[in-house]
Protein backbone atom coordinates (compact mmCIF):
# COMPACT_ATOMS: atom_id res chain seq x y z
CA MET A 1 -4.25 15.29 8.54
CA THR A 2 -1.95 16.54 10.83
CA ALA A 3 -1.46 13.35 12.78
CA PRO A 4 2.17 12.11 13.65
CA VAL A 5 4.04 9.87 11.38
CA ARG A 6 5.58 6.49 12.95
CA VAL A 7 8.80 5.40 11.78
CA VAL A 8 9.52 1.66 11.46
CA ALA A 9 12.98 0.13 11.11
CA LEU A 10 12.89 -2.71 8.41
CA PRO A 11 16.27 -3.97 8.63
CA ASP A 12 15.64 -6.76 6.41
CA GLU A 13 12.86 -8.62 4.07
CA THR A 14 11.47 -10.42 7.22
CA ALA A 15 10.74 -7.21 8.87
CA THR A 16 9.06 -5.86 6.06
CA ARG A 17 6.73 -9.07 5.83
CA HIS A 18 6.11 -8.70 9.44
CA LEU A 19 4.94 -5.03 8.80
CA ALA A 20 2.74 -6.11 6.04
CA GLU A 21 1.01 -8.98 7.98
CA ALA A 22 0.31 -6.07 10.74
CA LEU A 23 -1.21 -3.64 8.15
CA ALA A 24 -3.17 -6.72 6.69
CA ALA A 25 -4.42 -8.09 10.07
CA SER A 26 -5.69 -4.41 11.05
CA ALA A 27 -6.84 -2.79 8.02
CA PRO A 28 -10.26 -1.35 7.69
CA ALA A 29 -12.25 -2.15 4.60
CA PRO A 30 -12.02 -0.33 2.28
CA ALA A 31 -8.76 0.89 2.82
CA VAL A 32 -6.49 2.99 0.45
CA VAL A 33 -2.80 2.91 0.77
CA HIS A 34 -0.25 5.23 -1.25
CA LEU A 35 3.22 3.53 -1.40
CA VAL A 36 5.89 5.89 -1.85
CA GLY A 37 9.56 5.48 -2.43
CA ASP A 38 12.40 5.37 -4.84
CA LEU A 39 12.96 2.49 -7.17
CA GLY A 40 13.77 -0.52 -5.32
CA ALA A 41 12.76 1.04 -1.94
CA GLY A 42 10.58 -2.12 -1.15
CA LYS A 43 7.16 -0.83 -2.22
CA SER A 44 6.17 -4.23 -4.14
CA THR A 45 7.69 -6.31 -1.57
CA LEU A 46 5.47 -4.73 0.94
CA ALA A 47 2.70 -4.91 -1.05
CA ARG A 48 3.33 -8.75 -1.75
CA GLY A 49 3.78 -9.61 1.74
CA TRP A 50 0.38 -7.77 2.53
CA LEU A 51 -1.37 -9.93 -0.16
CA ARG A 52 0.00 -12.96 1.20
CA ALA A 53 -1.08 -12.25 4.54
CA LEU A 54 -4.52 -11.64 3.26
CA GLY A 55 -4.33 -15.17 1.73
CA VAL A 56 -3.44 -14.57 -1.91
CA ALA A 57 -2.01 -17.86 -3.23
CA GLY A 58 0.01 -18.49 -6.41
CA THR A 59 2.01 -15.59 -8.04
CA VAL A 60 1.75 -12.06 -6.75
CA ARG A 61 3.17 -10.20 -9.57
CA SER A 62 4.58 -6.70 -9.61
CA PRO A 63 2.21 -4.53 -11.86
CA THR A 64 4.87 -2.68 -13.28
CA TYR A 65 4.24 -3.42 -16.65
CA THR A 66 0.69 -4.32 -16.43
CA LEU A 67 0.09 -1.24 -14.15
CA ILE A 68 -2.77 -3.08 -12.36
CA GLU A 69 -3.05 -6.71 -10.81
CA ARG A 70 -6.38 -7.65 -9.41
CA TYR A 71 -6.71 -10.05 -6.49
CA PRO A 72 -10.19 -11.73 -5.47
CA LEU A 73 -10.35 -11.93 -1.58
CA ALA A 74 -13.17 -12.90 0.85
CA GLY A 75 -14.29 -9.47 1.61
CA GLY A 76 -14.00 -8.07 -2.11
CA GLU A 77 -11.16 -7.26 -4.38
CA ALA A 78 -7.87 -6.15 -3.57
CA LEU A 79 -5.98 -3.92 -6.55
CA HIS A 80 -2.26 -3.32 -6.46
CA LEU A 81 -1.40 -0.59 -8.99
CA ASP A 82 2.13 0.48 -10.00
CA LEU A 83 1.67 3.93 -11.93
CA TYR A 84 5.43 4.47 -12.53
CA ARG A 85 4.78 3.99 -16.38
CA ILE A 86 1.70 6.41 -16.38
CA GLY A 87 2.50 9.44 -18.74
CA ASP A 88 -0.50 11.39 -18.00
CA VAL A 89 -3.21 11.09 -15.50
CA GLY A 90 -5.77 10.56 -18.40
CA GLU A 91 -4.07 6.99 -18.84
CA LEU A 92 -5.85 5.76 -15.76
CA GLU A 93 -9.00 6.11 -17.71
CA TYR A 94 -8.25 2.94 -19.56
CA LEU A 95 -7.65 0.72 -16.55
CA GLY A 96 -11.64 0.60 -15.69
CA LEU A 97 -11.22 1.84 -12.00
CA ASP A 98 -14.45 4.03 -12.23
CA ASP A 99 -16.83 1.31 -11.10
CA VAL A 100 -14.31 -0.79 -8.99
CA ASP A 101 -15.52 -1.32 -5.27
CA ALA A 102 -12.31 -2.64 -3.98
CA CYS A 103 -12.02 -3.37 -0.22
CA LEU A 104 -8.06 -2.77 -0.68
CA TRP A 105 -6.07 -0.32 -2.84
CA LEU A 106 -2.17 -0.62 -2.90
CA VAL A 107 -0.95 2.21 -4.98
CA GLU A 108 2.93 2.53 -5.91
CA TRP A 109 3.80 6.04 -7.14
CA PRO A 110 0.49 7.46 -6.45
CA GLU A 111 1.68 10.87 -7.11
CA ARG A 112 1.43 10.16 -10.86
CA GLY A 113 -2.14 9.55 -10.63
CA GLY A 114 -3.24 12.67 -9.17
CA ASP A 115 -6.71 13.41 -8.05
CA ALA A 116 -8.00 10.49 -10.14
CA LEU A 117 -7.32 8.16 -7.49
CA PRO A 118 -9.18 7.58 -4.29
CA ALA A 119 -7.56 9.69 -1.16
CA ALA A 120 -5.23 7.71 0.99
CA ASP A 121 -5.90 6.38 4.44
CA LEU A 122 -2.30 5.78 4.83
CA GLN A 123 0.94 6.75 3.20
CA ILE A 124 3.56 4.48 3.71
CA THR A 125 6.99 5.95 2.46
CA LEU A 126 9.85 3.56 2.22
CA VAL A 127 13.44 5.00 2.54
CA HIS A 128 16.82 3.26 2.03
CA GLU A 129 18.56 3.34 5.68
CA GLY A 130 21.99 1.68 5.02
CA ALA A 131 21.65 -1.99 4.32
CA GLY A 132 18.10 -1.93 5.30
CA ARG A 133 14.92 0.60 5.02
CA SER A 134 12.52 2.42 7.07
CA ALA A 135 8.67 2.78 6.71
CA HIS A 136 7.23 6.13 7.31
CA VAL A 137 3.50 5.64 7.96
CA SER A 138 1.50 8.64 7.94
CA PRO A 139 -2.22 8.62 8.43
CA GLU A 140 -4.10 10.75 5.68
CA SER A 141 -7.61 10.23 6.59
CA ALA A 142 -9.64 9.79 10.05
CA VAL A 143 -9.80 5.99 9.13
CA GLY A 144 -6.02 6.01 8.88
CA ILE A 145 -5.59 7.79 12.10
CA ALA A 146 -7.80 5.11 14.00
CA TRP A 147 -6.11 2.23 11.98
CA LEU A 148 -2.77 3.57 13.20
CA ALA A 149 -4.17 3.69 16.74
CA ARG A 150 -5.21 -0.07 16.40
CA LEU A 151 -1.69 -1.09 14.99
CA GLU A 152 -0.34 0.81 18.08
CA SER A 153 -2.63 -0.84 20.49
CA MET A 154 -1.65 -4.12 19.12
CA HIS A 155 1.83 -3.33 19.84
CA GLN A 156 2.70 -3.73 15.87
CA LEU A 157 4.34 -0.12 15.56
């Protein structure tokens, strides 16, 4: 896709939570989001805020060690994956993702999953910017382009 990337300033955790809420409120179903960035860039913080905005109560854990966390939602299941510890794409086979019909995929370190993952609708790259961060939101599919347009029409970006 050659749609323009939108850059959102995230000076603090509150701004990250607001972006997560806007993304959650406007997301199509199903939606696949690849979360990219260095260690500590805020990928899990964004995912946690997103899941909270969708009504997930209780502990929202980072899947750093479990590789996958599943959350039941009214419209289906949300998956939060962290593939940092994947040594080989073949390891995804053991996560039981082949038959998953999730309404939301939030995938950290998607480059480690290669073609074994569903294609992204949005890629969100989080970058350290001084004391804060920025989110570079890139539509990766026709669904992602429409999603980004909805966000802009709602004045959320």
